[in-house]
N, C-alpha and C. Protein backbone atom coordinates (compact mmCIF):
# COMPACT_ATOMS: atom_id res chain seq x y z
N UNK A 1 36.79 58.30 132.37
CA UNK A 1 35.91 58.55 131.27
C UNK A 1 35.06 57.09 130.73
N UNK A 2 35.75 55.86 131.18
CA UNK A 2 35.56 54.86 130.75
C UNK A 2 33.99 54.48 131.03
N UNK A 3 33.28 55.15 132.08
CA UNK A 3 32.22 54.79 132.75
C UNK A 3 31.20 55.36 131.76
N UNK A 4 31.57 56.37 131.12
CA UNK A 4 30.39 57.10 130.00
C UNK A 4 30.35 56.34 128.71
N UNK A 5 31.09 55.51 128.45
CA UNK A 5 30.91 54.73 127.11
C UNK A 5 30.48 53.22 127.31
N UNK A 6 29.94 52.76 126.28
CA UNK A 6 29.58 51.22 125.96
C UNK A 6 30.74 50.77 124.89
N UNK A 7 31.45 49.80 125.39
CA UNK A 7 32.56 49.27 124.55
C UNK A 7 32.53 47.92 124.19
N UNK A 8 32.50 47.35 122.88
CA UNK A 8 32.28 45.97 122.37
C UNK A 8 33.80 45.69 121.80
N UNK A 9 34.24 44.82 122.17
CA UNK A 9 35.45 44.35 121.36
C UNK A 9 35.33 42.59 121.17
N UNK A 10 35.29 42.40 119.71
CA UNK A 10 35.44 41.14 119.38
C UNK A 10 36.77 40.89 118.72
N UNK A 11 36.84 39.56 118.28
CA UNK A 11 38.10 39.16 117.71
C UNK A 11 38.37 39.98 116.35
N UNK A 12 37.22 40.38 115.78
CA UNK A 12 37.46 41.20 114.30
C UNK A 12 36.89 42.44 114.28
N UNK A 13 36.45 43.25 115.63
CA UNK A 13 36.05 44.39 115.62
C UNK A 13 36.03 44.96 116.83
N UNK A 14 35.94 46.43 116.97
CA UNK A 14 35.62 47.30 117.97
C UNK A 14 34.76 48.31 117.79
N UNK A 15 33.72 48.36 118.73
CA UNK A 15 32.91 49.61 118.57
C UNK A 15 32.83 50.16 119.98
N UNK A 16 32.21 51.40 119.88
CA UNK A 16 31.93 52.16 121.07
C UNK A 16 30.70 52.99 120.89
N UNK A 17 30.29 53.52 121.94
CA UNK A 17 28.99 54.58 122.00
C UNK A 17 29.02 55.25 123.39
N UNK A 18 28.31 56.32 123.20
CA UNK A 18 28.08 56.84 124.59
C UNK A 18 27.04 56.30 125.20
N UNK A 19 27.19 56.34 126.68
CA UNK A 19 26.07 55.85 127.33
C UNK A 19 25.38 56.97 128.22
N UNK A 20 24.42 57.30 127.58
CA UNK A 20 23.67 58.68 127.92
C UNK A 20 22.72 58.70 129.42
N UNK A 21 22.62 57.35 129.79
CA UNK A 21 22.13 57.30 131.18
C UNK A 21 23.33 57.72 132.20
N UNK A 22 24.38 57.11 131.89
CA UNK A 22 25.58 57.43 132.97
C UNK A 22 25.84 59.12 132.76
N UNK A 23 25.97 59.44 131.60
CA UNK A 23 26.13 60.93 131.15
C UNK A 23 25.41 61.72 132.03
N UNK A 24 24.04 61.44 131.95
CA UNK A 24 22.96 62.31 132.41
C UNK A 24 23.00 62.40 134.05
N UNK A 25 23.53 61.25 134.61
CA UNK A 25 23.40 60.88 136.06
C UNK A 25 24.68 61.52 136.47
N UNK A 26 26.09 61.74 135.96
CA UNK A 26 27.01 62.77 136.40
C UNK A 26 26.63 64.18 136.16
N UNK A 27 26.00 64.40 135.35
CA UNK A 27 25.61 66.00 134.80
C UNK A 27 25.08 66.51 135.80
N UNK A 28 24.00 65.74 136.73
CA UNK A 28 23.51 66.25 137.88
C UNK A 28 24.10 66.57 138.88
N UNK A 29 25.20 65.80 138.93
CA UNK A 29 25.98 66.25 140.10
C UNK A 29 27.20 66.91 139.94
N UNK A 30 27.32 67.54 138.68
CA UNK A 30 28.47 68.58 138.30
C UNK A 30 28.35 69.88 139.37
N UNK A 31 29.57 70.02 139.71
CA UNK A 31 30.01 71.33 140.64
C UNK A 31 29.37 70.88 141.96
N UNK A 32 28.91 70.00 142.36
CA UNK A 32 28.27 69.55 143.58
C UNK A 32 29.31 68.66 144.66
N UNK A 33 29.54 68.92 145.77
CA UNK A 33 30.28 67.99 146.59
C UNK A 33 29.55 67.90 147.97
N UNK A 34 29.58 66.74 148.51
CA UNK A 34 29.10 66.60 149.83
C UNK A 34 29.93 66.05 150.82
N UNK A 35 29.86 67.02 152.07
CA UNK A 35 30.87 66.87 153.04
C UNK A 35 30.06 66.13 154.11
N UNK A 36 30.13 65.11 154.75
CA UNK A 36 29.38 64.37 155.46
C UNK A 36 30.19 64.01 157.01
N UNK A 37 29.66 64.17 158.25
CA UNK A 37 30.41 64.01 159.32
C UNK A 37 29.57 63.07 160.25
N UNK A 38 30.18 62.32 161.39
CA UNK A 38 29.48 61.52 162.09
C UNK A 38 28.91 62.39 163.50
N UNK A 39 29.39 63.74 163.60
CA UNK A 39 28.84 64.59 164.62
C UNK A 39 27.35 64.70 164.26
N UNK A 40 26.77 65.10 165.73
CA UNK A 40 25.56 65.45 165.60
C UNK A 40 25.22 67.03 165.12
N UNK A 41 24.22 67.39 164.90
CA UNK A 41 24.22 69.13 164.46
C UNK A 41 24.31 70.02 165.61
N UNK A 42 24.26 69.39 166.77
CA UNK A 42 24.29 70.30 167.88
C UNK A 42 25.92 70.58 168.11
N UNK A 43 26.75 69.26 167.75
CA UNK A 43 28.02 69.52 168.03
C UNK A 43 28.75 70.14 167.00
N UNK A 44 28.50 70.08 165.76
CA UNK A 44 28.80 70.79 164.52
C UNK A 44 27.77 71.19 163.41
N UNK A 45 27.72 72.54 163.09
CA UNK A 45 26.51 72.68 162.19
C UNK A 45 27.20 72.22 160.88
N UNK A 46 26.31 72.54 159.80
CA UNK A 46 26.92 72.36 158.20
C UNK A 46 27.89 73.12 158.04
N UNK A 47 27.92 74.56 158.39
CA UNK A 47 28.87 75.34 157.88
C UNK A 47 30.08 75.26 158.57
N UNK A 48 30.17 74.82 159.77
CA UNK A 48 31.49 74.28 160.76
C UNK A 48 31.63 72.97 159.95
N UNK A 49 31.02 71.94 159.53
CA UNK A 49 31.75 71.20 158.83
C UNK A 49 32.30 71.26 157.60
N UNK A 50 31.77 72.36 156.76
CA UNK A 50 32.18 72.75 155.58
C UNK A 50 33.61 73.33 155.91
N UNK A 51 33.70 74.31 156.84
CA UNK A 51 34.87 75.14 157.35
C UNK A 51 35.91 74.29 157.48
N UNK A 52 35.63 73.35 158.21
CA UNK A 52 36.65 72.20 158.83
C UNK A 52 37.14 71.64 157.58
N UNK A 53 36.44 71.20 156.77
CA UNK A 53 36.91 70.44 155.48
C UNK A 53 37.88 71.53 154.64
N UNK A 54 37.35 72.41 154.36
CA UNK A 54 38.31 73.63 153.60
C UNK A 54 39.34 73.80 154.54
N UNK A 55 39.50 73.87 155.79
CA UNK A 55 40.76 73.99 156.48
C UNK A 55 42.18 72.95 156.32
N UNK A 56 41.47 71.71 155.62
CA UNK A 56 42.49 70.63 155.29
C UNK A 56 43.69 71.11 154.29
N UNK A 57 43.28 72.38 153.59
CA UNK A 57 44.53 72.73 153.06
C UNK A 57 45.71 73.47 153.88
N UNK A 58 45.18 73.81 155.11
CA UNK A 58 46.39 74.33 156.02
C UNK A 58 47.09 73.05 156.48
N UNK A 59 46.54 71.90 156.59
CA UNK A 59 47.09 70.58 156.94
C UNK A 59 48.17 70.15 156.07
N UNK A 60 47.66 70.21 154.79
CA UNK A 60 48.52 69.93 153.64
C UNK A 60 49.88 70.96 153.47
N UNK A 61 49.48 72.26 153.82
CA UNK A 61 50.56 73.06 153.77
C UNK A 61 51.55 72.92 154.79
N UNK A 62 50.99 72.41 156.37
CA UNK A 62 51.79 72.05 157.16
C UNK A 62 52.84 70.82 156.76
N UNK A 63 52.27 69.92 156.14
CA UNK A 63 52.89 68.90 155.82
C UNK A 63 54.12 69.13 154.80
N UNK A 64 53.68 69.89 153.88
CA UNK A 64 54.73 70.37 152.95
C UNK A 64 55.65 71.24 153.45
N UNK A 65 55.35 71.96 154.60
CA UNK A 65 56.48 72.81 155.34
C UNK A 65 57.36 71.67 156.05
N UNK A 66 56.68 70.87 156.44
CA UNK A 66 57.47 69.81 157.43
C UNK A 66 58.51 69.11 156.35
N UNK A 67 58.21 68.65 155.20
CA UNK A 67 58.91 67.68 154.41
C UNK A 67 59.79 68.25 153.33
N UNK A 68 59.41 69.32 153.17
CA UNK A 68 60.18 70.27 152.07
C UNK A 68 60.61 71.56 152.07
N UNK A 69 59.71 72.50 152.60
CA UNK A 69 60.02 74.10 152.63
C UNK A 69 60.83 74.44 153.72
N UNK A 70 60.47 74.36 154.98
CA UNK A 70 61.09 75.07 156.16
C UNK A 70 62.11 73.89 156.93
N UNK A 71 61.27 72.66 157.32
CA UNK A 71 62.02 72.01 158.34
C UNK A 71 62.61 70.69 157.67
N UNK A 72 62.23 70.48 156.42
CA UNK A 72 62.82 69.55 155.68
C UNK A 72 63.27 68.09 156.74
N UNK A 73 62.29 67.55 157.06
CA UNK A 73 62.21 66.36 157.96
C UNK A 73 62.99 65.32 157.16
N UNK A 74 62.83 65.26 156.02
CA UNK A 74 63.82 64.20 155.31
C UNK A 74 64.93 64.88 154.44
N UNK A 75 65.96 64.02 154.33
CA UNK A 75 66.25 62.61 154.97
C UNK A 75 66.59 62.52 156.05
N UNK A 76 66.26 61.22 156.48
CA UNK A 76 66.48 61.05 158.04
C UNK A 76 67.63 59.93 158.07
N UNK A 77 68.83 60.29 158.62
CA UNK A 77 70.05 59.33 158.77
C UNK A 77 70.16 58.66 159.94
N UNK A 78 68.96 58.58 160.65
CA UNK A 78 69.01 57.66 161.89
C UNK A 78 68.46 56.38 161.55
N UNK A 79 69.14 55.12 162.11
CA UNK A 79 68.62 53.94 161.96
C UNK A 79 68.09 53.31 162.95
N UNK A 80 68.06 53.63 164.13
CA UNK A 80 67.22 53.19 165.21
C UNK A 80 65.92 53.73 165.21
N UNK A 81 64.81 53.06 165.58
CA UNK A 81 63.56 53.41 165.50
C UNK A 81 63.17 54.40 166.55
N UNK A 82 64.03 54.44 167.69
CA UNK A 82 63.55 55.58 168.84
C UNK A 82 64.12 56.82 168.31
N UNK A 83 65.33 56.85 167.58
CA UNK A 83 65.62 57.99 167.06
C UNK A 83 65.05 58.48 166.09
N UNK A 84 64.33 57.56 164.98
CA UNK A 84 63.83 58.27 164.15
C UNK A 84 62.50 58.89 164.65
N UNK A 85 61.97 58.25 165.64
CA UNK A 85 60.59 58.77 166.28
C UNK A 85 61.17 60.33 166.79
N UNK A 86 62.25 60.10 167.64
CA UNK A 86 62.43 61.47 168.31
C UNK A 86 62.97 62.58 167.44
N UNK A 87 63.32 62.26 166.04
CA UNK A 87 63.71 63.09 164.92
C UNK A 87 62.54 63.70 164.53
N UNK A 88 61.61 62.86 164.15
CA UNK A 88 60.08 63.35 163.79
C UNK A 88 59.47 64.36 165.05
N UNK A 89 59.30 63.88 166.07
CA UNK A 89 58.76 64.74 167.19
C UNK A 89 59.29 66.11 167.15
N UNK A 90 60.81 66.10 167.26
CA UNK A 90 61.46 67.31 167.06
C UNK A 90 61.11 68.29 165.88
N UNK A 91 60.87 67.70 164.92
CA UNK A 91 60.33 68.51 163.42
C UNK A 91 58.85 69.06 163.82
N UNK A 92 58.04 68.03 164.55
CA UNK A 92 56.59 68.39 164.60
C UNK A 92 56.68 69.38 165.88
N UNK A 93 57.51 69.53 166.65
CA UNK A 93 57.69 70.50 167.68
C UNK A 93 58.03 71.65 167.09
N UNK A 94 58.84 71.75 166.22
CA UNK A 94 59.49 72.82 165.43
C UNK A 94 58.37 73.25 164.72
N UNK A 95 57.84 72.69 164.10
CA UNK A 95 56.60 73.36 163.04
C UNK A 95 55.62 74.07 164.00
N UNK A 96 55.32 73.44 165.32
CA UNK A 96 54.23 73.98 166.20
C UNK A 96 54.78 75.45 166.70
N UNK A 97 56.24 75.64 166.92
CA UNK A 97 56.83 76.89 167.32
C UNK A 97 56.58 77.84 166.03
N UNK A 98 56.82 77.32 164.77
CA UNK A 98 56.64 78.18 163.63
C UNK A 98 55.21 78.67 163.33
N UNK A 99 54.36 77.51 163.79
CA UNK A 99 52.76 78.21 163.61
C UNK A 99 52.49 79.23 164.46
N UNK A 100 53.05 79.19 165.54
CA UNK A 100 52.78 80.22 166.68
C UNK A 100 53.47 81.60 166.00
N UNK A 101 54.62 81.27 165.63
CA UNK A 101 55.42 82.52 165.12
C UNK A 101 54.94 83.35 163.85
N UNK A 102 54.41 82.35 163.04
CA UNK A 102 53.61 82.92 161.63
C UNK A 102 52.26 83.80 162.40
N UNK A 103 51.64 83.23 163.12
CA UNK A 103 50.55 83.83 163.57
C UNK A 103 50.79 85.27 164.46
N UNK A 104 51.97 85.11 165.00
CA UNK A 104 52.11 86.44 165.74
C UNK A 104 52.72 87.47 164.89
N UNK A 105 53.63 86.89 163.82
CA UNK A 105 54.18 87.68 162.84
C UNK A 105 53.44 88.29 161.77
N UNK A 106 52.04 87.69 161.64
CA UNK A 106 51.03 88.14 160.44
C UNK A 106 51.12 89.44 160.21
N UNK A 107 50.98 90.48 160.76
CA UNK A 107 50.93 91.96 160.44
C UNK A 107 52.23 92.28 159.63
N UNK A 108 53.37 91.53 159.89
CA UNK A 108 54.49 91.91 159.00
C UNK A 108 54.97 90.83 157.83
N UNK A 109 53.84 90.05 157.78
CA UNK A 109 54.37 89.05 156.81
C UNK A 109 52.96 89.26 155.71
N UNK A 110 53.14 88.45 154.54
CA UNK A 110 52.12 88.51 153.49
C UNK A 110 50.79 87.92 154.09
N UNK A 111 50.78 87.24 155.11
CA UNK A 111 49.58 86.47 155.40
C UNK A 111 48.48 87.22 156.13
N UNK A 112 47.13 86.86 155.87
CA UNK A 112 45.98 87.59 156.26
C UNK A 112 46.10 87.82 157.89
N UNK A 113 46.12 88.94 158.14
CA UNK A 113 46.10 89.24 159.67
C UNK A 113 44.64 89.79 160.19
N UNK A 114 43.62 89.59 159.35
CA UNK A 114 42.37 89.90 159.71
C UNK A 114 41.38 89.25 159.03
N UNK A 115 41.63 87.83 159.16
CA UNK A 115 40.66 86.78 158.74
C UNK A 115 39.41 87.03 158.91
N UNK A 116 38.82 87.40 160.04
CA UNK A 116 37.33 87.75 160.01
C UNK A 116 36.67 88.61 159.20
N UNK A 117 37.60 89.72 158.55
CA UNK A 117 37.13 90.67 157.64
C UNK A 117 37.11 89.99 156.42
N UNK A 118 37.82 89.15 156.18
CA UNK A 118 37.94 88.28 154.89
C UNK A 118 36.70 87.27 154.69
N UNK A 119 36.40 86.73 155.80
CA UNK A 119 35.01 85.82 156.16
C UNK A 119 34.01 86.69 155.75
N UNK A 120 34.00 88.04 156.21
CA UNK A 120 32.74 88.80 156.19
C UNK A 120 32.61 89.16 154.57
N UNK A 121 33.55 88.99 153.82
CA UNK A 121 33.36 89.24 152.12
C UNK A 121 32.92 88.19 151.36
N UNK A 122 32.69 86.89 152.18
CA UNK A 122 32.15 85.75 151.39
C UNK A 122 30.53 85.59 151.33
N UNK A 123 30.15 85.47 150.21
CA UNK A 123 28.87 85.54 150.15
C UNK A 123 28.33 83.97 150.97
N UNK A 124 28.81 82.99 151.01
CA UNK A 124 28.59 81.83 151.66
C UNK A 124 29.92 81.02 152.25
N UNK A 125 29.52 80.05 153.09
CA UNK A 125 30.73 78.92 153.49
C UNK A 125 31.08 78.45 152.24
N UNK A 126 30.34 78.00 151.28
CA UNK A 126 30.93 77.34 149.94
C UNK A 126 31.71 78.18 149.08
N UNK A 127 31.60 79.50 149.05
CA UNK A 127 32.11 80.43 148.24
C UNK A 127 33.90 80.06 148.39
N UNK A 128 34.59 80.52 147.45
CA UNK A 128 36.20 80.71 147.60
C UNK A 128 36.39 81.57 148.86
N UNK A 129 37.49 81.28 149.46
CA UNK A 129 37.95 82.19 150.88
C UNK A 129 38.60 83.49 150.33
N UNK A 130 38.00 84.49 150.67
CA UNK A 130 38.50 85.68 150.47
C UNK A 130 39.20 86.30 151.54
N UNK A 131 40.44 87.01 150.74
CA UNK A 131 41.27 87.89 151.79
C UNK A 131 40.64 89.27 152.52
N UNK A 132 41.30 89.59 153.32
CA UNK A 132 40.73 90.90 153.88
C UNK A 132 41.06 92.06 153.33
N UNK A 133 40.73 93.27 153.48
CA UNK A 133 41.12 94.33 152.42
C UNK A 133 42.45 94.56 153.19
N UNK A 134 42.85 94.53 154.27
CA UNK A 134 44.19 94.62 154.70
C UNK A 134 45.20 93.92 154.19
N UNK A 135 44.81 92.60 153.92
CA UNK A 135 45.79 91.73 153.41
C UNK A 135 45.96 91.78 151.78
N UNK A 136 44.95 92.37 151.27
CA UNK A 136 45.02 93.01 149.74
C UNK A 136 45.71 94.11 149.47
N UNK A 137 45.81 95.21 150.58
CA UNK A 137 46.86 96.18 150.61
C UNK A 137 48.11 95.84 150.79
N UNK A 138 48.39 94.90 151.48
CA UNK A 138 49.72 94.46 152.00
C UNK A 138 50.33 93.66 150.41
N UNK A 139 49.40 93.09 150.04
CA UNK A 139 49.91 92.33 148.67
C UNK A 139 50.22 93.20 147.40
N UNK A 140 49.22 94.23 147.25
CA UNK A 140 49.60 95.29 146.25
C UNK A 140 50.56 96.37 146.37
N UNK A 141 50.82 96.48 147.80
CA UNK A 141 51.69 97.55 148.02
C UNK A 141 53.22 97.29 148.36
N UNK A 142 53.25 95.82 149.14
CA UNK A 142 54.47 95.28 149.64
C UNK A 142 54.82 96.26 150.76
N UNK A 143 53.84 96.70 151.58
CA UNK A 143 54.43 97.44 152.77
C UNK A 143 52.97 97.26 153.82
N UNK A 144 53.58 97.15 154.76
CA UNK A 144 52.55 97.07 156.25
C UNK A 144 51.94 98.31 156.29
N UNK A 145 50.82 98.42 157.20
CA UNK A 145 50.24 99.57 157.80
C UNK A 145 51.16 100.70 158.04
N UNK A 146 52.24 100.42 158.68
CA UNK A 146 53.08 101.29 159.34
C UNK A 146 54.14 101.91 158.28
N UNK A 147 54.07 101.34 156.94
CA UNK A 147 55.13 101.36 156.03
C UNK A 147 56.45 100.68 155.80
N UNK A 148 56.58 99.61 156.48
CA UNK A 148 57.66 98.57 156.32
C UNK A 148 57.61 97.86 155.57
N UNK A 149 58.55 97.01 155.06
CA UNK A 149 58.47 96.28 153.81
C UNK A 149 57.90 94.98 154.26
N UNK A 150 57.10 94.31 153.57
CA UNK A 150 56.20 92.98 154.01
C UNK A 150 57.09 92.06 153.68
N UNK A 151 57.15 90.87 154.54
CA UNK A 151 58.32 89.59 154.13
C UNK A 151 57.45 88.28 154.14
N UNK A 152 58.01 87.39 153.56
CA UNK A 152 57.64 86.11 153.78
C UNK A 152 58.29 85.77 155.09
N UNK A 153 57.62 84.53 155.49
CA UNK A 153 58.14 83.87 156.81
C UNK A 153 59.86 83.63 156.33
N UNK A 154 60.21 83.12 155.24
CA UNK A 154 61.49 82.78 155.18
C UNK A 154 62.62 84.05 154.95
N UNK A 155 61.95 85.35 154.59
CA UNK A 155 62.67 86.35 154.32
C UNK A 155 62.95 86.95 155.45
N UNK A 156 61.96 86.96 156.22
CA UNK A 156 61.90 87.63 157.70
C UNK A 156 63.01 87.04 158.35
N UNK A 157 62.85 85.64 158.36
CA UNK A 157 64.26 84.69 159.33
C UNK A 157 65.44 85.24 158.82
N UNK A 158 65.64 85.40 157.58
CA UNK A 158 66.90 85.79 156.99
C UNK A 158 67.29 87.15 157.47
N UNK A 159 66.27 88.10 157.47
CA UNK A 159 66.63 89.48 157.98
C UNK A 159 66.99 89.44 159.24
N UNK A 160 66.20 88.74 160.32
CA UNK A 160 66.30 88.58 161.64
C UNK A 160 67.90 87.99 161.89
N UNK A 161 68.49 87.03 160.91
CA UNK A 161 69.70 86.38 161.02
C UNK A 161 70.85 87.10 161.00
N UNK A 162 70.56 88.38 160.26
CA UNK A 162 71.80 89.36 160.40
C UNK A 162 72.06 89.91 161.73
N UNK A 163 71.02 89.94 162.54
CA UNK A 163 71.69 90.52 164.05
C UNK A 163 72.73 89.48 164.79
N UNK A 164 73.84 90.19 165.05
CA UNK A 164 74.85 89.23 165.75
C UNK A 164 75.49 89.72 166.72
N UNK A 165 75.64 88.94 167.74
CA UNK A 165 76.52 89.16 169.16
C UNK A 165 77.92 89.14 168.96
N UNK A 166 78.68 90.05 169.21
CA UNK A 166 80.04 90.07 169.06
C UNK A 166 80.65 90.46 170.17
N UNK A 167 81.55 89.41 170.41
CA UNK A 167 82.66 89.45 171.65
C UNK A 167 83.73 90.41 171.70
N UNK A 168 83.44 91.64 172.21
CA UNK A 168 84.82 93.02 172.16
C UNK A 168 85.72 92.74 173.05
N UNK A 169 86.87 92.63 172.63
CA UNK A 169 88.18 92.58 173.83
C UNK A 169 88.79 94.21 173.55
N UNK A 170 88.55 95.17 174.26
CA UNK A 170 89.27 96.34 174.20
C UNK A 170 90.70 96.44 174.51
N UNK A 171 91.39 97.01 173.92
CA UNK A 171 92.96 97.02 174.68
C UNK A 171 93.35 98.62 174.86
N UNK A 172 93.86 98.92 175.77
CA UNK A 172 94.74 100.28 176.27
C UNK A 172 95.97 100.00 176.45
N UNK A 173 96.65 100.73 175.70
CA UNK A 173 98.33 100.58 176.26
C UNK A 173 98.82 99.36 176.24
N UNK A 174 98.46 98.28 175.38
CA UNK A 174 98.94 97.25 175.24
C UNK A 174 98.53 96.17 176.28
N UNK A 175 97.59 96.77 177.09
CA UNK A 175 96.94 95.95 177.90
C UNK A 175 95.36 95.51 177.53
N UNK A 176 94.87 94.39 178.13
CA UNK A 176 93.55 93.91 177.64
C UNK A 176 92.54 94.08 178.82
N UNK A 177 91.49 94.87 178.25
CA UNK A 177 90.69 95.58 179.41
C UNK A 177 89.36 94.55 179.36
N UNK A 178 88.66 94.47 180.42
CA UNK A 178 87.65 93.56 180.44
C UNK A 178 86.73 93.25 179.22
N UNK A 179 86.36 92.22 178.64
CA UNK A 179 85.80 91.76 177.54
C UNK A 179 84.16 92.20 177.74
N UNK A 180 83.61 92.45 176.82
CA UNK A 180 81.97 92.56 176.91
C UNK A 180 81.64 92.01 175.44
N UNK A 181 80.26 91.50 175.58
CA UNK A 181 79.31 91.33 174.32
C UNK A 181 78.54 92.66 173.78
N UNK A 182 78.51 92.77 172.52
CA UNK A 182 77.73 93.90 171.90
C UNK A 182 76.90 93.21 170.82
N UNK A 183 75.75 93.45 170.94
CA UNK A 183 74.64 93.04 169.99
C UNK A 183 74.53 94.26 168.81
N UNK A 184 74.46 93.75 167.53
CA UNK A 184 74.02 94.80 166.64
C UNK A 184 72.86 95.26 166.64
N UNK A 185 72.61 96.58 166.40
CA UNK A 185 71.24 97.41 166.66
C UNK A 185 70.52 97.08 165.74
N UNK A 186 69.03 96.49 166.27
CA UNK A 186 68.20 96.07 165.07
C UNK A 186 67.78 97.33 164.34
N UNK A 187 67.29 96.99 163.17
CA UNK A 187 66.40 97.97 162.30
C UNK A 187 65.28 97.99 162.76
N UNK A 188 64.46 99.11 162.42
CA UNK A 188 62.93 99.24 162.85
C UNK A 188 62.18 97.82 162.63
N UNK A 189 62.33 97.47 161.23
CA UNK A 189 61.32 96.20 160.81
C UNK A 189 61.79 94.98 161.90
N UNK A 190 62.96 94.87 162.30
CA UNK A 190 63.67 93.79 163.41
C UNK A 190 62.85 93.99 164.52
N UNK A 191 62.94 95.31 165.13
CA UNK A 191 62.43 95.54 166.54
C UNK A 191 61.01 95.32 166.33
N UNK A 192 60.15 95.61 165.23
CA UNK A 192 58.79 95.43 165.24
C UNK A 192 58.64 93.61 165.05
N UNK A 193 59.22 93.25 164.59
CA UNK A 193 59.11 91.58 164.60
C UNK A 193 59.55 91.09 166.14
N UNK A 194 60.28 91.67 166.58
CA UNK A 194 60.64 91.04 168.15
C UNK A 194 59.62 91.49 168.89
N UNK A 195 59.35 92.60 168.72
CA UNK A 195 57.77 93.13 169.52
C UNK A 195 56.92 92.11 169.25
N UNK A 196 56.57 91.98 168.30
CA UNK A 196 55.30 90.92 167.92
C UNK A 196 55.48 89.56 168.57
N UNK A 197 56.78 89.18 168.33
CA UNK A 197 57.11 87.82 169.13
C UNK A 197 57.10 87.93 170.70
N UNK A 198 57.30 89.09 171.10
CA UNK A 198 57.22 89.20 172.68
C UNK A 198 58.65 88.88 173.03
N UNK A 199 59.88 89.24 172.44
CA UNK A 199 60.99 89.08 172.49
C UNK A 199 61.82 90.29 172.83
N UNK A 200 62.35 90.31 174.08
CA UNK A 200 63.13 91.57 174.62
C UNK A 200 64.44 91.56 174.36
N UNK A 201 64.82 92.78 173.58
CA UNK A 201 66.32 92.78 173.13
C UNK A 201 67.30 93.21 174.25
């Protein structure tokens, strides 16, 4: 705010007044931002430049996921530089896997799985991003199109973690029969998640 005032301080006084020229110059730019790129028009249009700038929010979300929410890259207990680099590389690779999983699981998550429909609801590229009607339906009903409960990524992983593989050791007349593994039967939402991920049970 200091640039909008003229301030005079002496040994015995203090006075200030508004600077109308600065205030008027700033008012002309209210609500306007400029996105500049070094790419030529044939490589990136103005709309693509603005869209790329707005997607920086996804980058910030990825860093937040890496640092605190999902992967928790910190604290790092390694002391050798190579081990620290390897630790960070593994966390980045893990986030890459998570990114692909979120994309595949979008129909059962609160995430928008029909982004083109959301884009069609916008008046202009500079207008706020809008969710698709399908995403609005999921958010309000808390159900997918097939009627299953909608999850966040964390709650879906917690649900999938309830599937267990048990080692069964049958006994007959005091003698041990051949042991075998038995996997718990997945629920319909779990089967749907595995199908979206392309995982065979």
